[in-house]
Amino acid sequence: MIKELTHDPMFLAGKSETATRDDLQVAQDLLDTLMAHRESCVGMAANMIGVRKRIIAFLDGSGRVPTYTVMLNPEIAGCDGMYETEESCLSLLGGPRKCKRYKTIKVRYQTTDMKPRIKTYTGLTAQIIQHEIDHCNGVLI
């Protein structure tokens, strides 16, 4: 179900809790909401739809064909190649903000089947994931 976006910086600055199997509907709602905003957004975290759970959804351009991916409890397990960039966010009003990101990241997460995975991402997909994990950690750009 498509959910309304949260713009309250106090809510967004709170840390998210561990996601469980009971949160799979939240993961689906997050994906539905992201896809509804696909013209202006490439990633979302659950707190952006008002739920403080460690769930992210994003457009994954790491394969031959871009696909939408959902991660539960994502954590950056390694990173390399820091650079400075600017990012915008649907939840935050105003223009792009400066931030630091890594060119390559290794992410530990669970699938929607609750299976553990570790995967390495680079480029824009790595940047999107870092932005969404920041949301889970209550970090606003």
C-alpha atoms as a PDB file:
ATOM      1  CA  MET A   1       0.000   0.000   0.000  1.00  0.00           C
ATOM      2  CA  ILE A   2       1.318   3.457  -0.889  1.00  0.00           C
ATOM      3  CA  LYS A   3       1.966   5.464   2.281  1.00  0.00           C
ATOM      4  CA  GLU A   4       2.237   9.182   2.947  1.00  0.00           C
ATOM      5  CA  LEU A   5       5.779  10.538   3.326  1.00  0.00           C
ATOM      6  CA  THR A   6       7.002  11.792   6.704  1.00  0.00           C
ATOM      7  CA  HIS A   7       8.713  15.197   6.768  1.00  0.00           C
ATOM      8  CA  ASP A   8       9.148  15.641  10.545  1.00  0.00           C
ATOM      9  CA  PRO A   9      12.921  16.016  11.149  1.00  0.00           C
ATOM     10  CA  MET A  10      12.559  15.031  14.825  1.00  0.00           C
ATOM     11  CA  PHE A  11      10.947  11.721  13.857  1.00  0.00           C
ATOM     12  CA  LEU A  12      13.435  11.129  11.038  1.00  0.00           C
ATOM     13  CA  ALA A  13      16.362  11.778  13.418  1.00  0.00           C
ATOM     14  CA  GLY A  14      15.354   8.813  15.606  1.00  0.00           C
ATOM     15  CA  LYS A  15      17.191   5.499  15.248  1.00  0.00           C
ATOM     16  CA  SER A  16      15.271   2.631  13.718  1.00  0.00           C
ATOM     17  CA  GLU A  17      14.689  -0.710  15.425  1.00  0.00           C
ATOM     18  CA  THR A  18      15.607  -4.149  14.099  1.00  0.00           C
ATOM     19  CA  ALA A  19      13.140  -5.465  11.522  1.00  0.00           C
ATOM     20  CA  THR A  20      11.608  -8.912  11.954  1.00  0.00           C
ATOM     21  CA  ARG A  21       9.386 -11.222   9.940  1.00  0.00           C
ATOM     22  CA  ASP A  22       6.432  -9.326  11.458  1.00  0.00           C
ATOM     23  CA  ASP A  23       7.546  -6.239   9.492  1.00  0.00           C
ATOM     24  CA  LEU A  24       7.253  -7.731   6.001  1.00  0.00           C
ATOM     25  CA  GLN A  25       4.099  -5.696   5.287  1.00  0.00           C
ATOM     26  CA  VAL A  26       6.089  -2.546   6.099  1.00  0.00           C
ATOM     27  CA  ALA A  27       8.708  -3.684   3.572  1.00  0.00           C
ATOM     28  CA  GLN A  28       6.005  -4.120   0.918  1.00  0.00           C
ATOM     29  CA  ASP A  29       4.451  -0.737   1.745  1.00  0.00           C
ATOM     30  CA  LEU A  30       7.887   0.872   1.467  1.00  0.00           C
ATOM     31  CA  LEU A  31       8.485  -0.705  -1.930  1.00  0.00           C
ATOM     32  CA  ASP A  32       5.005   0.326  -3.142  1.00  0.00           C
ATOM     33  CA  THR A  33       5.621   3.895  -1.985  1.00  0.00           C
ATOM     34  CA  LEU A  34       9.059   4.039  -3.622  1.00  0.00           C
ATOM     35  CA  MET A  35       7.657   2.779  -6.909  1.00  0.00           C
ATOM     36  CA  ALA A  36       4.871   5.377  -6.730  1.00  0.00           C
ATOM     37  CA  HIS A  37       7.606   8.052  -6.481  1.00  0.00           C
ATOM     38  CA  ARG A  38       9.945   6.469  -9.050  1.00  0.00           C
ATOM     39  CA  GLU A  39      10.035   9.635 -11.169  1.00  0.00           C
ATOM     40  CA  SER A  40      11.673  11.609  -8.354  1.00  0.00           C
ATOM     41  CA  CYS A  41      13.191   9.049  -5.975  1.00  0.00           C
ATOM     42  CA  VAL A  42      15.606   6.093  -6.149  1.00  0.00           C
ATOM     43  CA  GLY A  43      15.576   4.942  -2.530  1.00  0.00           C
ATOM     44  CA  MET A  44      13.605   5.064   0.717  1.00  0.00           C
ATOM     45  CA  ALA A  45      13.899   3.945   4.309  1.00  0.00           C
ATOM     46  CA  ALA A  46      10.935   2.841   6.428  1.00  0.00           C
ATOM     47  CA  ASN A  47      11.091   5.922   8.636  1.00  0.00           C
ATOM     48  CA  MET A  48      10.214   7.977   5.553  1.00  0.00           C
ATOM     49  CA  ILE A  49       6.759   6.332   5.686  1.00  0.00           C
ATOM     50  CA  GLY A  50       6.466   6.756   9.448  1.00  0.00           C
ATOM     51  CA  VAL A  51       7.830   3.402  10.648  1.00  0.00           C
ATOM     52  CA  ARG A  52      11.077   3.225  12.631  1.00  0.00           C
ATOM     53  CA  LYS A  53      12.294  -0.142  11.386  1.00  0.00           C
ATOM     54  CA  ARG A  54      15.609  -0.974   9.676  1.00  0.00           C
ATOM     55  CA  ILE A  55      14.176  -1.539   6.215  1.00  0.00           C
ATOM     56  CA  ILE A  56      15.302   0.098   2.976  1.00  0.00           C
ATOM     57  CA  ALA A  57      14.148  -0.150  -0.631  1.00  0.00           C
ATOM     58  CA  PHE A  58      16.076   1.169  -3.622  1.00  0.00           C
ATOM     59  CA  LEU A  59      16.605   1.012  -7.340  1.00  0.00           C
ATOM     60  CA  ASP A  60      19.508  -1.400  -7.750  1.00  0.00           C
ATOM     61  CA  GLY A  61      21.522  -0.601 -10.851  1.00  0.00           C
ATOM     62  CA  SER A  62      24.280  -3.101 -10.083  1.00  0.00           C
ATOM     63  CA  GLY A  63      22.978  -5.764 -12.472  1.00  0.00           C
ATOM     64  CA  ARG A  64      22.327  -5.829 -16.196  1.00  0.00           C
ATOM     65  CA  VAL A  65      18.759  -4.658 -15.678  1.00  0.00           C
ATOM     66  CA  PRO A  66      17.940  -2.207 -12.857  1.00  0.00           C
ATOM     67  CA  THR A  67      15.593  -3.775 -10.304  1.00  0.00           C
ATOM     68  CA  TYR A  68      14.037  -2.725  -7.026  1.00  0.00           C
ATOM     69  CA  THR A  69      15.635  -4.305  -3.971  1.00  0.00           C
ATOM     70  CA  VAL A  70      14.474  -4.456  -0.345  1.00  0.00           C
ATOM     71  CA  MET A  71      16.919  -4.984   2.526  1.00  0.00           C
ATOM     72  CA  LEU A  72      16.065  -5.684   6.139  1.00  0.00           C
ATOM     73  CA  ASN A  73      18.559  -4.693   8.831  1.00  0.00           C
ATOM     74  CA  PRO A  74      21.251  -3.430   6.428  1.00  0.00           C
ATOM     75  CA  GLU A  75      24.670  -2.589   7.863  1.00  0.00           C
ATOM     76  CA  ILE A  76      27.783  -1.402   6.115  1.00  0.00           C
ATOM     77  CA  ALA A  77      30.440  -4.048   6.754  1.00  0.00           C
ATOM     78  CA  GLY A  78      33.208  -2.366   4.752  1.00  0.00           C
ATOM     79  CA  CYS A  79      33.838   0.685   2.603  1.00  0.00           C
ATOM     80  CA  ASP A  80      36.469   2.261   0.366  1.00  0.00           C
ATOM     81  CA  GLY A  81      37.080   5.413  -1.651  1.00  0.00           C
ATOM     82  CA  MET A  82      35.534   8.352   0.227  1.00  0.00           C
ATOM     83  CA  TYR A  83      34.329  11.278  -1.878  1.00  0.00           C
ATOM     84  CA  GLU A  84      32.190  14.388  -1.425  1.00  0.00           C
ATOM     85  CA  THR A  85      28.851  14.782  -3.197  1.00  0.00           C
ATOM     86  CA  GLU A  86      25.457  16.447  -2.902  1.00  0.00           C
ATOM     87  CA  GLU A  87      22.165  14.681  -2.275  1.00  0.00           C
ATOM     88  CA  SER A  88      18.496  15.544  -1.983  1.00  0.00           C
ATOM     89  CA  CYS A  89      15.794  13.727  -0.054  1.00  0.00           C
ATOM     90  CA  LEU A  90      12.014  13.565  -0.471  1.00  0.00           C
ATOM     91  CA  SER A  91      11.612  13.751   3.301  1.00  0.00           C
ATOM     92  CA  LEU A  92      13.670  16.910   3.727  1.00  0.00           C
ATOM     93  CA  LEU A  93      12.652  20.274   2.397  1.00  0.00           C
ATOM     94  CA  GLY A  94      15.172  22.453   0.627  1.00  0.00           C
ATOM     95  CA  GLY A  95      17.755  21.734  -2.008  1.00  0.00           C
ATOM     96  CA  PRO A  96      20.677  19.348  -2.208  1.00  0.00           C
ATOM     97  CA  ARG A  97      23.034  19.064   0.768  1.00  0.00           C
ATOM     98  CA  LYS A  98      26.715  18.191   0.834  1.00  0.00           C
ATOM     99  CA  CYS A  99      27.738  14.842   2.289  1.00  0.00           C
ATOM    100  CA  LYS A 100      30.541  12.259   2.195  1.00  0.00           C
ATOM    101  CA  ARG A 101      30.071   8.824   0.669  1.00  0.00           C
ATOM    102  CA  TYR A 102      32.159   5.810  -0.314  1.00  0.00           C
ATOM    103  CA  LYS A 103      32.577   4.537  -3.881  1.00  0.00           C
ATOM    104  CA  THR A 104      32.460   0.891  -2.783  1.00  0.00           C
ATOM    105  CA  ILE A 105      30.595  -0.627   0.158  1.00  0.00           C
ATOM    106  CA  LYS A 106      30.004  -4.129   1.457  1.00  0.00           C
ATOM    107  CA  VAL A 107      26.536  -4.536   2.980  1.00  0.00           C
ATOM    108  CA  ARG A 108      25.319  -7.191   5.401  1.00  0.00           C
ATOM    109  CA  TYR A 109      21.511  -7.535   5.374  1.00  0.00           C
ATOM    110  CA  GLN A 110      18.543  -9.898   5.330  1.00  0.00           C
ATOM    111  CA  THR A 111      16.254 -10.587   2.392  1.00  0.00           C
ATOM    112  CA  THR A 112      12.470 -10.502   2.705  1.00  0.00           C
ATOM    113  CA  ASP A 113      12.789 -14.273   3.226  1.00  0.00           C
ATOM    114  CA  MET A 114      14.915 -13.384   6.305  1.00  0.00           C
ATOM    115  CA  LYS A 115      17.982 -14.977   4.713  1.00  0.00           C
ATOM    116  CA  PRO A 116      21.333 -13.342   5.555  1.00  0.00           C
ATOM    117  CA  ARG A 117      23.327 -11.890   2.676  1.00  0.00           C
ATOM    118  CA  ILE A 118      26.521  -9.931   2.121  1.00  0.00           C
ATOM    119  CA  LYS A 119      26.972  -8.050  -1.138  1.00  0.00           C
ATOM    120  CA  THR A 120      29.353  -5.428  -2.501  1.00  0.00           C
ATOM    121  CA  TYR A 121      27.987  -2.368  -4.297  1.00  0.00           C
ATOM    122  CA  THR A 122      29.691   0.447  -6.175  1.00  0.00           C
ATOM    123  CA  GLY A 123      28.848   3.799  -7.729  1.00  0.00           C
ATOM    124  CA  LEU A 124      25.370   5.286  -7.555  1.00  0.00           C
ATOM    125  CA  THR A 125      23.806   2.163  -6.053  1.00  0.00           C
ATOM    126  CA  ALA A 126      26.352   2.284  -3.195  1.00  0.00           C
ATOM    127  CA  GLN A 127      25.545   5.964  -2.676  1.00  0.00           C
ATOM    128  CA  ILE A 128      21.801   5.299  -2.520  1.00  0.00           C
ATOM    129  CA  ILE A 129      22.257   2.487   0.014  1.00  0.00           C
ATOM    130  CA  GLN A 130      24.465   4.678   2.216  1.00  0.00           C
ATOM    131  CA  HIS A 131      21.824   7.430   2.184  1.00  0.00           C
ATOM    132  CA  GLU A 132      19.087   4.998   3.225  1.00  0.00           C
ATOM    133  CA  ILE A 133      21.192   3.346   5.933  1.00  0.00           C
ATOM    134  CA  ASP A 134      21.846   6.853   7.288  1.00  0.00           C
ATOM    135  CA  HIS A 135      18.049   7.227   7.555  1.00  0.00           C
ATOM    136  CA  CYS A 136      17.907   4.004   9.590  1.00  0.00           C
ATOM    137  CA  ASN A 137      20.566   5.426  11.899  1.00  0.00           C
ATOM    138  CA  GLY A 138      18.740   8.740  12.336  1.00  0.00           C
ATOM    139  CA  VAL A 139      21.333  10.631  10.296  1.00  0.00           C
ATOM    140  CA  LEU A 140      19.894  13.381   8.106  1.00  0.00           C
ATOM    141  CA  ILE A 141      21.920  14.861   5.275  1.00  0.00           C
END
